[in-house]
């Protein structure tokens, strides 16, 4: 059975008039008749019968109408949900730290939207560990983190490589002390972030046997700079 035949049958069964069904479907009457006959041949039973000028459904026709009337609403709902899914799929969700979102993404997003105007973008600002969690849970399409992360099924691309620096305020202190001495003599202001960057920092401290005098943790990168 073809859907177009079932749609023709549904219309004819509702109107009980092949001529009116043909007009509504924008078919010729012989086309409607041919499709109904094709269905009847396939199931091996008549679907309509006539008494005088009136058309009626046979018992088999009533059964077919009952199920056809259920089939098409389901198909229509399926079409609606597929279209909604297509619209949802046309949105790219990106996740990265506040620094990336503020300083790096704007020009990239402008260029992306110019190249692909039909695709929407959702930008999520979060820490590297939240980026990783979101990628693993399929909440984000693309994530940018500081550090490295390797997992089967996740594609990793290195965007850039740079050395990590310890910044200090006083040039005089830096001229008279090594980095290790500074970290052990003065409070260490740490950007409170969980993830690969923190692991990298802790690894550096452990490998160099540095004993921090005091640590001040800040959840705001701007606050770290201000101090």
C-alpha atoms as a PDB file:
ATOM      1  CA  UNK A   1       0.000   0.000   0.000  1.00  0.00           C
ATOM      2  CA  UNK A   2       1.216   3.471  -0.842  1.00  0.00           C
ATOM      3  CA  UNK A   3       0.539   6.504   1.317  1.00  0.00           C
ATOM      4  CA  UNK A   4      -0.952   8.424  -1.603  1.00  0.00           C
ATOM      5  CA  UNK A   5      -3.460   5.608  -2.131  1.00  0.00           C
ATOM      6  CA  UNK A   6      -4.363   5.588   1.558  1.00  0.00           C
ATOM      7  CA  UNK A   7      -4.748   9.381   1.536  1.00  0.00           C
ATOM      8  CA  UNK A   8      -7.060   9.108  -1.470  1.00  0.00           C
ATOM      9  CA  UNK A   9      -9.054   6.382   0.259  1.00  0.00           C
ATOM     10  CA  UNK A  10      -9.326   8.447   3.460  1.00  0.00           C
ATOM     11  CA  UNK A  11     -10.691  11.430   1.545  1.00  0.00           C
ATOM     12  CA  UNK A  12     -13.130   9.314  -0.466  1.00  0.00           C
ATOM     13  CA  UNK A  13     -14.251   7.473   2.692  1.00  0.00           C
ATOM     14  CA  UNK A  14     -14.905  10.764   4.452  1.00  0.00           C
ATOM     15  CA  UNK A  15     -16.860  12.358   1.590  1.00  0.00           C
ATOM     16  CA  UNK A  16     -18.379   9.134   0.195  1.00  0.00           C
ATOM     17  CA  UNK A  17     -18.173  10.803  -3.190  1.00  0.00           C
ATOM     18  CA  UNK A  18     -15.385  10.126  -5.682  1.00  0.00           C
ATOM     19  CA  UNK A  19     -16.057  13.301  -7.671  1.00  0.00           C
ATOM     20  CA  UNK A  20     -15.765  15.541  -4.604  1.00  0.00           C
ATOM     21  CA  UNK A  21     -12.707  13.620  -3.415  1.00  0.00           C
ATOM     22  CA  UNK A  22     -11.032  14.169  -6.793  1.00  0.00           C
ATOM     23  CA  UNK A  23     -11.688  17.937  -6.612  1.00  0.00           C
ATOM     24  CA  UNK A  24     -10.366  18.170  -3.051  1.00  0.00           C
ATOM     25  CA  UNK A  25      -7.223  16.217  -3.910  1.00  0.00           C
ATOM     26  CA  UNK A  26      -6.795  18.006  -7.238  1.00  0.00           C
ATOM     27  CA  UNK A  27      -6.969  14.660  -9.050  1.00  0.00           C
ATOM     28  CA  UNK A  28      -9.093  13.496 -11.919  1.00  0.00           C
ATOM     29  CA  UNK A  29     -11.957  11.180 -10.981  1.00  0.00           C
ATOM     30  CA  UNK A  30     -10.452   8.261 -12.963  1.00  0.00           C
ATOM     31  CA  UNK A  31      -7.260   8.661 -10.888  1.00  0.00           C
ATOM     32  CA  UNK A  32      -9.230   8.362  -7.641  1.00  0.00           C
ATOM     33  CA  UNK A  33     -11.098   5.344  -8.977  1.00  0.00           C
ATOM     34  CA  UNK A  34      -7.850   3.684 -10.125  1.00  0.00           C
ATOM     35  CA  UNK A  35      -6.186   4.150  -6.732  1.00  0.00           C
ATOM     36  CA  UNK A  36      -9.196   2.727  -4.869  1.00  0.00           C
ATOM     37  CA  UNK A  37      -9.289  -0.273  -7.191  1.00  0.00           C
ATOM     38  CA  UNK A  38      -5.568  -0.821  -6.659  1.00  0.00           C
ATOM     39  CA  UNK A  39      -6.160  -0.973  -2.897  1.00  0.00           C
ATOM     40  CA  UNK A  40      -9.093  -3.343  -3.334  1.00  0.00           C
ATOM     41  CA  UNK A  41      -6.996  -5.656  -5.483  1.00  0.00           C
ATOM     42  CA  UNK A  42      -4.199  -5.626  -2.921  1.00  0.00           C
ATOM     43  CA  UNK A  43      -6.409  -6.570   0.043  1.00  0.00           C
ATOM     44  CA  UNK A  44      -8.707  -8.789  -2.004  1.00  0.00           C
ATOM     45  CA  UNK A  45     -11.935  -7.073  -0.882  1.00  0.00           C
ATOM     46  CA  UNK A  46     -14.205  -4.245  -1.995  1.00  0.00           C
ATOM     47  CA  UNK A  47     -14.005  -1.036   0.031  1.00  0.00           C
ATOM     48  CA  UNK A  48     -17.095   0.764  -1.312  1.00  0.00           C
ATOM     49  CA  UNK A  49     -20.497  -0.207  -2.648  1.00  0.00           C
ATOM     50  CA  UNK A  50     -23.263   1.827  -4.217  1.00  0.00           C
ATOM     51  CA  UNK A  51     -27.015   1.895  -3.715  1.00  0.00           C
ATOM     52  CA  UNK A  52     -28.561   4.077  -6.331  1.00  0.00           C
ATOM     53  CA  UNK A  53     -26.587   7.313  -6.425  1.00  0.00           C
ATOM     54  CA  UNK A  54     -25.222   6.919  -2.896  1.00  0.00           C
ATOM     55  CA  UNK A  55     -21.835   5.435  -1.990  1.00  0.00           C
ATOM     56  CA  UNK A  56     -21.192   3.491   1.222  1.00  0.00           C
ATOM     57  CA  UNK A  57     -18.245   1.770   2.876  1.00  0.00           C
ATOM     58  CA  UNK A  58     -18.166  -2.001   3.038  1.00  0.00           C
ATOM     59  CA  UNK A  59     -17.208  -3.776   6.252  1.00  0.00           C
ATOM     60  CA  UNK A  60     -13.615  -3.962   5.048  1.00  0.00           C
ATOM     61  CA  UNK A  61     -13.811  -0.292   4.098  1.00  0.00           C
ATOM     62  CA  UNK A  62     -14.926   0.610   7.634  1.00  0.00           C
ATOM     63  CA  UNK A  63     -11.988  -1.299   9.107  1.00  0.00           C
ATOM     64  CA  UNK A  64      -9.525   0.361   6.747  1.00  0.00           C
ATOM     65  CA  UNK A  65     -10.964   3.820   7.489  1.00  0.00           C
ATOM     66  CA  UNK A  66     -10.630   3.191  11.230  1.00  0.00           C
ATOM     67  CA  UNK A  67      -6.909   2.522  10.944  1.00  0.00           C
ATOM     68  CA  UNK A  68      -6.152   5.041   8.211  1.00  0.00           C
ATOM     69  CA  UNK A  69      -7.692   7.757  10.388  1.00  0.00           C
ATOM     70  CA  UNK A  70      -5.143   6.798  13.068  1.00  0.00           C
ATOM     71  CA  UNK A  71      -2.179   6.492  10.720  1.00  0.00           C
ATOM     72  CA  UNK A  72      -2.176   9.986   9.239  1.00  0.00           C
ATOM     73  CA  UNK A  73      -2.300  11.960  12.514  1.00  0.00           C
ATOM     74  CA  UNK A  74       0.700   9.911  13.661  1.00  0.00           C
ATOM     75  CA  UNK A  75       2.508  10.616  10.392  1.00  0.00           C
ATOM     76  CA  UNK A  76       1.685  14.325  10.686  1.00  0.00           C
ATOM     77  CA  UNK A  77       3.024  14.358  14.252  1.00  0.00           C
ATOM     78  CA  UNK A  78       6.162  12.572  13.106  1.00  0.00           C
ATOM     79  CA  UNK A  79       6.691  15.171  10.372  1.00  0.00           C
ATOM     80  CA  UNK A  80       6.240  18.000  12.880  1.00  0.00           C
ATOM     81  CA  UNK A  81       8.757  16.493  15.304  1.00  0.00           C
ATOM     82  CA  UNK A  82      11.268  15.827  12.526  1.00  0.00           C
ATOM     83  CA  UNK A  83      11.030  19.442  11.406  1.00  0.00           C
ATOM     84  CA  UNK A  84      11.474  20.617  15.002  1.00  0.00           C
ATOM     85  CA  UNK A  85      14.506  18.364  15.349  1.00  0.00           C
ATOM     86  CA  UNK A  86      15.979  19.838  12.167  1.00  0.00           C
ATOM     87  CA  UNK A  87      15.601  23.323  13.615  1.00  0.00           C
ATOM     88  CA  UNK A  88      17.227  22.206  16.875  1.00  0.00           C
ATOM     89  CA  UNK A  89      20.065  20.521  14.999  1.00  0.00           C
ATOM     90  CA  UNK A  90      20.741  23.831  13.243  1.00  0.00           C
ATOM     91  CA  UNK A  91      22.127  25.274  16.470  1.00  0.00           C
ATOM     92  CA  UNK A  92      25.740  24.904  17.558  1.00  0.00           C
ATOM     93  CA  UNK A  93      26.437  24.945  21.296  1.00  0.00           C
ATOM     94  CA  UNK A  94      29.921  26.132  22.245  1.00  0.00           C
ATOM     95  CA  UNK A  95      31.407  26.085  25.741  1.00  0.00           C
ATOM     96  CA  UNK A  96      34.563  27.719  27.039  1.00  0.00           C
ATOM     97  CA  UNK A  97      35.972  29.823  29.852  1.00  0.00           C
ATOM     98  CA  UNK A  98      34.943  33.452  30.331  1.00  0.00           C
ATOM     99  CA  UNK A  99      38.263  34.573  28.841  1.00  0.00           C
ATOM    100  CA  UNK A 100      37.680  32.686  25.596  1.00  0.00           C
ATOM    101  CA  UNK A 101      34.060  33.810  25.406  1.00  0.00           C
ATOM    102  CA  UNK A 102      34.962  37.452  25.959  1.00  0.00           C
ATOM    103  CA  UNK A 103      38.197  37.913  24.054  1.00  0.00           C
ATOM    104  CA  UNK A 104      38.383  35.253  21.346  1.00  0.00           C
ATOM    105  CA  UNK A 105      34.904  34.145  20.315  1.00  0.00           C
ATOM    106  CA  UNK A 106      33.248  37.404  19.116  1.00  0.00           C
ATOM    107  CA  UNK A 107      35.235  37.789  15.850  1.00  0.00           C
ATOM    108  CA  UNK A 108      35.096  34.032  15.214  1.00  0.00           C
ATOM    109  CA  UNK A 109      31.318  33.953  15.716  1.00  0.00           C
ATOM    110  CA  UNK A 110      30.819  36.953  13.432  1.00  0.00           C
ATOM    111  CA  UNK A 111      32.729  35.201  10.661  1.00  0.00           C
ATOM    112  CA  UNK A 112      30.913  31.913  11.280  1.00  0.00           C
ATOM    113  CA  UNK A 113      27.486  33.560  11.053  1.00  0.00           C
ATOM    114  CA  UNK A 114      28.539  35.328   7.868  1.00  0.00           C
ATOM    115  CA  UNK A 115      29.531  31.982   6.329  1.00  0.00           C
ATOM    116  CA  UNK A 116      26.564  29.982   7.744  1.00  0.00           C
ATOM    117  CA  UNK A 117      23.679  32.386   8.454  1.00  0.00           C
ATOM    118  CA  UNK A 118      21.144  29.561   8.915  1.00  0.00           C
ATOM    119  CA  UNK A 119      22.953  28.041  11.893  1.00  0.00           C
ATOM    120  CA  UNK A 120      22.344  29.515  15.342  1.00  0.00           C
ATOM    121  CA  UNK A 121      24.918  29.606  18.117  1.00  0.00           C
ATOM    122  CA  UNK A 122      24.576  29.140  21.858  1.00  0.00           C
ATOM    123  CA  UNK A 123      27.638  30.267  23.814  1.00  0.00           C
ATOM    124  CA  UNK A 124      28.121  28.869  27.330  1.00  0.00           C
ATOM    125  CA  UNK A 125      30.706  30.299  29.730  1.00  0.00           C
ATOM    126  CA  UNK A 126      31.983  27.781  32.284  1.00  0.00           C
ATOM    127  CA  UNK A 127      35.111  26.269  33.788  1.00  0.00           C
ATOM    128  CA  UNK A 128      37.144  23.624  31.983  1.00  0.00           C
ATOM    129  CA  UNK A 129      35.781  20.779  34.118  1.00  0.00           C
ATOM    130  CA  UNK A 130      32.216  21.857  33.293  1.00  0.00           C
ATOM    131  CA  UNK A 131      33.152  22.010  29.613  1.00  0.00           C
ATOM    132  CA  UNK A 132      34.411  18.424  29.793  1.00  0.00           C
ATOM    133  CA  UNK A 133      31.305  17.260  31.675  1.00  0.00           C
ATOM    134  CA  UNK A 134      29.086  18.926  29.068  1.00  0.00           C
ATOM    135  CA  UNK A 135      30.959  17.334  26.174  1.00  0.00           C
ATOM    136  CA  UNK A 136      30.707  13.881  27.770  1.00  0.00           C
ATOM    137  CA  UNK A 137      26.969  14.380  28.370  1.00  0.00           C
ATOM    138  CA  UNK A 138      26.426  15.610  24.782  1.00  0.00           C
ATOM    139  CA  UNK A 139      25.211  18.986  26.057  1.00  0.00           C
ATOM    140  CA  UNK A 140      27.893  20.864  24.091  1.00  0.00           C
ATOM    141  CA  UNK A 141      28.933  20.384  20.466  1.00  0.00           C
ATOM    142  CA  UNK A 142      32.323  21.974  20.932  1.00  0.00           C
ATOM    143  CA  UNK A 143      34.343  22.920  23.994  1.00  0.00           C
ATOM    144  CA  UNK A 144      37.568  24.828  24.516  1.00  0.00           C
ATOM    145  CA  UNK A 145      39.690  24.171  27.596  1.00  0.00           C
ATOM    146  CA  UNK A 146      43.100  25.058  28.954  1.00  0.00           C
ATOM    147  CA  UNK A 147      45.276  21.984  29.179  1.00  0.00           C
ATOM    148  CA  UNK A 148      44.725  18.603  27.566  1.00  0.00           C
ATOM    149  CA  UNK A 149      41.991  15.982  27.636  1.00  0.00           C
ATOM    150  CA  UNK A 150      41.862  12.612  25.931  1.00  0.00           C
ATOM    151  CA  UNK A 151      38.910  10.260  25.729  1.00  0.00           C
ATOM    152  CA  UNK A 152      37.721   7.742  23.155  1.00  0.00           C
ATOM    153  CA  UNK A 153      35.018   9.232  20.962  1.00  0.00           C
ATOM    154  CA  UNK A 154      36.081  12.824  21.623  1.00  0.00           C
ATOM    155  CA  UNK A 155      38.090  14.603  18.931  1.00  0.00           C
ATOM    156  CA  UNK A 156      40.931  16.744  20.300  1.00  0.00           C
ATOM    157  CA  UNK A 157      42.419  19.637  18.337  1.00  0.00           C
ATOM    158  CA  UNK A 158      45.242  21.790  19.715  1.00  0.00           C
ATOM    159  CA  UNK A 159      44.383  25.406  18.920  1.00  0.00           C
ATOM    160  CA  UNK A 160      47.552  26.940  20.322  1.00  0.00           C
ATOM    161  CA  UNK A 161      50.414  26.192  22.648  1.00  0.00           C
ATOM    162  CA  UNK A 162      51.998  28.628  25.069  1.00  0.00           C
ATOM    163  CA  UNK A 163      54.136  28.616  28.170  1.00  0.00           C
ATOM    164  CA  UNK A 164      52.458  29.142  31.515  1.00  0.00           C
ATOM    165  CA  UNK A 165      53.704  32.232  33.343  1.00  0.00           C
ATOM    166  CA  UNK A 166      53.695  33.292  36.969  1.00  0.00           C
ATOM    167  CA  UNK A 167      52.887  37.006  37.049  1.00  0.00           C
ATOM    168  CA  UNK A 168      54.066  39.296  39.823  1.00  0.00           C
ATOM    169  CA  UNK A 169      53.523  42.969  40.523  1.00  0.00           C
ATOM    170  CA  UNK A 170      56.969  44.106  41.560  1.00  0.00           C
ATOM    171  CA  UNK A 171      59.867  44.083  39.085  1.00  0.00           C
ATOM    172  CA  UNK A 172      62.240  44.425  42.016  1.00  0.00           C
ATOM    173  CA  UNK A 173      61.036  41.180  43.578  1.00  0.00           C
ATOM    174  CA  UNK A 174      61.434  39.325  40.303  1.00  0.00           C
ATOM    175  CA  UNK A 175      64.970  40.648  39.805  1.00  0.00           C
ATOM    176  CA  UNK A 176      66.143  39.386  43.190  1.00  0.00           C
ATOM    177  CA  UNK A 177      64.234  36.101  43.472  1.00  0.00           C
ATOM    178  CA  UNK A 178      63.712  32.969  41.436  1.00  0.00           C
ATOM    179  CA  UNK A 179      60.180  31.834  40.648  1.00  0.00           C
ATOM    180  CA  UNK A 180      60.443  29.091  43.272  1.00  0.00           C
ATOM    181  CA  UNK A 181      61.624  31.572  45.912  1.00  0.00           C
ATOM    182  CA  UNK A 182      58.774  33.941  45.123  1.00  0.00           C
ATOM    183  CA  UNK A 183      56.178  31.193  45.443  1.00  0.00           C
ATOM    184  CA  UNK A 184      57.589  30.115  48.791  1.00  0.00           C
ATOM    185  CA  UNK A 185      58.055  33.631  50.235  1.00  0.00           C
ATOM    186  CA  UNK A 186      54.892  35.420  49.136  1.00  0.00           C
ATOM    187  CA  UNK A 187      51.166  34.572  48.943  1.00  0.00           C
ATOM    188  CA  UNK A 188      50.193  32.732  45.780  1.00  0.00           C
ATOM    189  CA  UNK A 189      47.025  34.123  44.191  1.00  0.00           C
ATOM    190  CA  UNK A 190      45.369  31.262  42.373  1.00  0.00           C
ATOM    191  CA  UNK A 191      42.580  31.422  39.821  1.00  0.00           C
ATOM    192  CA  UNK A 192      40.082  28.967  41.319  1.00  0.00           C
ATOM    193  CA  UNK A 193      39.450  26.649  38.404  1.00  0.00           C
ATOM    194  CA  UNK A 194      39.090  22.882  38.340  1.00  0.00           C
ATOM    195  CA  UNK A 195      40.308  20.860  35.389  1.00  0.00           C
ATOM    196  CA  UNK A 196      43.390  20.310  33.204  1.00  0.00           C
ATOM    197  CA  UNK A 197      44.861  23.750  33.966  1.00  0.00           C
ATOM    198  CA  UNK A 198      44.763  23.115  37.712  1.00  0.00           C
ATOM    199  CA  UNK A 199      46.293  19.666  37.209  1.00  0.00           C
ATOM    200  CA  UNK A 200      49.065  21.236  35.153  1.00  0.00           C
ATOM    201  CA  UNK A 201      49.715  23.855  37.839  1.00  0.00           C
ATOM    202  CA  UNK A 202      49.749  21.289  40.660  1.00  0.00           C
ATOM    203  CA  UNK A 203      52.089  19.099  38.649  1.00  0.00           C
ATOM    204  CA  UNK A 204      54.498  22.025  38.224  1.00  0.00           C
ATOM    205  CA  UNK A 205      54.450  22.753  41.969  1.00  0.00           C
ATOM    206  CA  UNK A 206      55.044  19.083  42.856  1.00  0.00           C
ATOM    207  CA  UNK A 207      57.777  18.520  40.270  1.00  0.00           C
ATOM    208  CA  UNK A 208      59.698  21.558  41.490  1.00  0.00           C
ATOM    209  CA  UNK A 209      59.146  20.693  45.169  1.00  0.00           C
ATOM    210  CA  UNK A 210      57.648  24.114  45.862  1.00  0.00           C
ATOM    211  CA  UNK A 211      56.138  24.722  49.290  1.00  0.00           C
ATOM    212  CA  UNK A 212      53.596  27.506  48.970  1.00  0.00           C
ATOM    213  CA  UNK A 213      53.654  29.957  51.872  1.00  0.00           C
ATOM    214  CA  UNK A 214      50.014  30.941  51.519  1.00  0.00           C
ATOM    215  CA  UNK A 215      47.383  30.529  48.826  1.00  0.00           C
ATOM    216  CA  UNK A 216      44.593  32.964  47.981  1.00  0.00           C
ATOM    217  CA  UNK A 217      41.943  31.488  45.684  1.00  0.00           C
ATOM    218  CA  UNK A 218      39.766  33.669  43.445  1.00  0.00           C
ATOM    219  CA  UNK A 219      36.909  32.483  41.252  1.00  0.00           C
ATOM    220  CA  UNK A 220      37.162  35.651  39.138  1.00  0.00           C
ATOM    221  CA  UNK A 221      40.054  36.020  36.707  1.00  0.00           C
ATOM    222  CA  UNK A 222      39.615  39.797  36.742  1.00  0.00           C
ATOM    223  CA  UNK A 223      39.994  39.760  40.533  1.00  0.00           C
ATOM    224  CA  UNK A 224      43.272  37.871  40.178  1.00  0.00           C
ATOM    225  CA  UNK A 225      44.553  40.516  37.772  1.00  0.00           C
ATOM    226  CA  UNK A 226      43.406  43.333  40.056  1.00  0.00           C
ATOM    227  CA  UNK A 227      45.320  41.951  43.017  1.00  0.00           C
END
